[in-house]
Amino acid sequence: MRNLNFAALHRSIGLELQALYSSWHLQRCICLSLLLSAVMRHKTVNLSDLSEDLQPRVKPNSNYSRLQRFFRQVRFPRVHLARWILQQV
């Protein structure tokens, strides 16, 4: 049950982010949502540490590769993201 709520939460946050970045696919927004929540939980930006908790059913190496791809492919205006984060707090 917890995993279902976790997935629904990140899908909901992903939809909010998609409203900010209309050109992004939903999966990219969900990845950003997972990344932000992992950063807040672990209080680190070390991708290796974050990849262990990103998606529990996926191997950490796969999560690590996903994060690397995300940062390699995605460019976004940080101002919009910062405003959104502050609205959530």
C-alpha atoms as a PDB file:
ATOM      1  CA  MET A   1       0.000   0.000   0.000  1.00  0.00           C
ATOM      2  CA  ARG A   2       2.829   2.412   0.874  1.00  0.00           C
ATOM      3  CA  ASN A   3       4.445   1.952  -2.551  1.00  0.00           C
ATOM      4  CA  LEU A   4       1.136   2.724  -4.246  1.00  0.00           C
ATOM      5  CA  ASN A   5       0.785   5.997  -2.307  1.00  0.00           C
ATOM      6  CA  PHE A   6       4.412   6.846  -3.009  1.00  0.00           C
ATOM      7  CA  ALA A   7       3.903   6.333  -6.737  1.00  0.00           C
ATOM      8  CA  ALA A   8       0.664   8.336  -6.732  1.00  0.00           C
ATOM      9  CA  LEU A   9       2.345  11.178  -4.866  1.00  0.00           C
ATOM     10  CA  HIS A  10       5.195  11.402  -7.364  1.00  0.00           C
ATOM     11  CA  ARG A  11       2.801  11.187 -10.292  1.00  0.00           C
ATOM     12  CA  SER A  12       0.818  14.072  -8.789  1.00  0.00           C
ATOM     13  CA  ILE A  13       3.967  16.140  -8.247  1.00  0.00           C
ATOM     14  CA  GLY A  14       5.105  15.193 -11.752  1.00  0.00           C
ATOM     15  CA  LEU A  15       1.861  16.571 -13.165  1.00  0.00           C
ATOM     16  CA  GLU A  16       2.423  19.851 -11.291  1.00  0.00           C
ATOM     17  CA  LEU A  17       5.955  20.075 -12.673  1.00  0.00           C
ATOM     18  CA  GLN A  18       4.683  19.292 -16.144  1.00  0.00           C
ATOM     19  CA  ALA A  19       2.476  22.369 -15.887  1.00  0.00           C
ATOM     20  CA  LEU A  20       5.659  24.414 -15.309  1.00  0.00           C
ATOM     21  CA  TYR A  21       7.623  22.696 -18.070  1.00  0.00           C
ATOM     22  CA  SER A  22       5.008  21.960 -20.693  1.00  0.00           C
ATOM     23  CA  SER A  23       7.554  20.614 -23.180  1.00  0.00           C
ATOM     24  CA  TRP A  24       8.655  17.839 -20.786  1.00  0.00           C
ATOM     25  CA  HIS A  25       7.293  14.305 -20.807  1.00  0.00           C
ATOM     26  CA  LEU A  26       5.538  13.166 -17.633  1.00  0.00           C
ATOM     27  CA  GLN A  27       8.239  10.569 -16.878  1.00  0.00           C
ATOM     28  CA  ARG A  28      10.886  13.288 -16.874  1.00  0.00           C
ATOM     29  CA  CYS A  29       8.811  15.307 -14.394  1.00  0.00           C
ATOM     30  CA  ILE A  30       8.337  12.241 -12.206  1.00  0.00           C
ATOM     31  CA  CYS A  31      12.103  11.649 -12.276  1.00  0.00           C
ATOM     32  CA  LEU A  32      12.638  15.228 -11.089  1.00  0.00           C
ATOM     33  CA  SER A  33      10.060  14.682  -8.347  1.00  0.00           C
ATOM     34  CA  LEU A  34      11.838  11.521  -7.176  1.00  0.00           C
ATOM     35  CA  LEU A  35      15.177  13.321  -7.278  1.00  0.00           C
ATOM     36  CA  LEU A  36      13.949  16.292  -5.238  1.00  0.00           C
ATOM     37  CA  SER A  37      12.373  14.100  -2.570  1.00  0.00           C
ATOM     38  CA  ALA A  38      15.544  11.988  -2.313  1.00  0.00           C
ATOM     39  CA  VAL A  39      17.677  15.136  -1.917  1.00  0.00           C
ATOM     40  CA  MET A  40      15.423  16.381   0.862  1.00  0.00           C
ATOM     41  CA  ARG A  41      15.426  13.019   2.674  1.00  0.00           C
ATOM     42  CA  HIS A  42      19.179  12.425   2.437  1.00  0.00           C
ATOM     43  CA  LYS A  43      20.325  16.054   2.618  1.00  0.00           C
ATOM     44  CA  THR A  44      22.948  15.360  -0.020  1.00  0.00           C
ATOM     45  CA  VAL A  45      23.352  15.794  -3.758  1.00  0.00           C
ATOM     46  CA  ASN A  46      25.666  12.816  -4.170  1.00  0.00           C
ATOM     47  CA  LEU A  47      24.109  10.823  -7.020  1.00  0.00           C
ATOM     48  CA  SER A  48      25.475   7.550  -5.699  1.00  0.00           C
ATOM     49  CA  ASP A  49      23.708   8.033  -2.353  1.00  0.00           C
ATOM     50  CA  LEU A  50      20.496   9.233  -4.003  1.00  0.00           C
ATOM     51  CA  SER A  51      20.389   6.345  -6.458  1.00  0.00           C
ATOM     52  CA  GLU A  52      20.057   3.828  -3.623  1.00  0.00           C
ATOM     53  CA  ASP A  53      16.749   5.366  -2.545  1.00  0.00           C
ATOM     54  CA  LEU A  54      15.326   6.729  -5.797  1.00  0.00           C
ATOM     55  CA  GLN A  55      13.161   3.736  -6.678  1.00  0.00           C
ATOM     56  CA  PRO A  56      13.497   0.825  -4.233  1.00  0.00           C
ATOM     57  CA  ARG A  57      12.522  -1.917  -6.696  1.00  0.00           C
ATOM     58  CA  VAL A  58      15.163  -0.840  -9.219  1.00  0.00           C
ATOM     59  CA  LYS A  59      18.874  -1.610  -8.951  1.00  0.00           C
ATOM     60  CA  PRO A  60      20.915   1.357  -7.669  1.00  0.00           C
ATOM     61  CA  ASN A  61      23.115   1.211 -10.804  1.00  0.00           C
ATOM     62  CA  SER A  62      20.035   1.686 -12.992  1.00  0.00           C
ATOM     63  CA  ASN A  63      18.877   4.603 -10.857  1.00  0.00           C
ATOM     64  CA  TYR A  64      22.360   6.127 -11.018  1.00  0.00           C
ATOM     65  CA  SER A  65      22.371   5.872 -14.817  1.00  0.00           C
ATOM     66  CA  ARG A  66      18.894   7.405 -14.927  1.00  0.00           C
ATOM     67  CA  LEU A  67      20.073  10.391 -12.878  1.00  0.00           C
ATOM     68  CA  GLN A  68      23.133  10.846 -15.088  1.00  0.00           C
ATOM     69  CA  ARG A  69      20.948  10.799 -18.223  1.00  0.00           C
ATOM     70  CA  PHE A  70      18.554  13.256 -16.627  1.00  0.00           C
ATOM     71  CA  PHE A  71      21.290  15.796 -15.935  1.00  0.00           C
ATOM     72  CA  ARG A  72      22.912  15.223 -19.317  1.00  0.00           C
ATOM     73  CA  GLN A  73      19.684  15.777 -21.284  1.00  0.00           C
ATOM     74  CA  VAL A  74      17.670  18.272 -19.263  1.00  0.00           C
ATOM     75  CA  ARG A  75      18.066  22.024 -19.216  1.00  0.00           C
ATOM     76  CA  PHE A  76      15.551  24.000 -17.220  1.00  0.00           C
ATOM     77  CA  PRO A  77      15.165  27.511 -15.844  1.00  0.00           C
ATOM     78  CA  ARG A  78      16.196  27.161 -12.216  1.00  0.00           C
ATOM     79  CA  VAL A  79      14.155  30.188 -11.158  1.00  0.00           C
ATOM     80  CA  HIS A  80      10.874  28.399 -11.930  1.00  0.00           C
ATOM     81  CA  LEU A  81      12.013  25.285 -10.098  1.00  0.00           C
ATOM     82  CA  ALA A  82      13.160  27.293  -7.057  1.00  0.00           C
ATOM     83  CA  ARG A  83       9.796  29.046  -6.849  1.00  0.00           C
ATOM     84  CA  TRP A  84       7.970  25.730  -7.073  1.00  0.00           C
ATOM     85  CA  ILE A  85      10.141  24.191  -4.323  1.00  0.00           C
ATOM     86  CA  LEU A  86       9.521  27.165  -2.034  1.00  0.00           C
ATOM     87  CA  GLN A  87       5.771  26.872  -2.598  1.00  0.00           C
ATOM     88  CA  GLN A  88       5.941  23.238  -1.429  1.00  0.00           C
ATOM     89  CA  VAL A  89       7.690  24.035   1.849  1.00  0.00           C
END
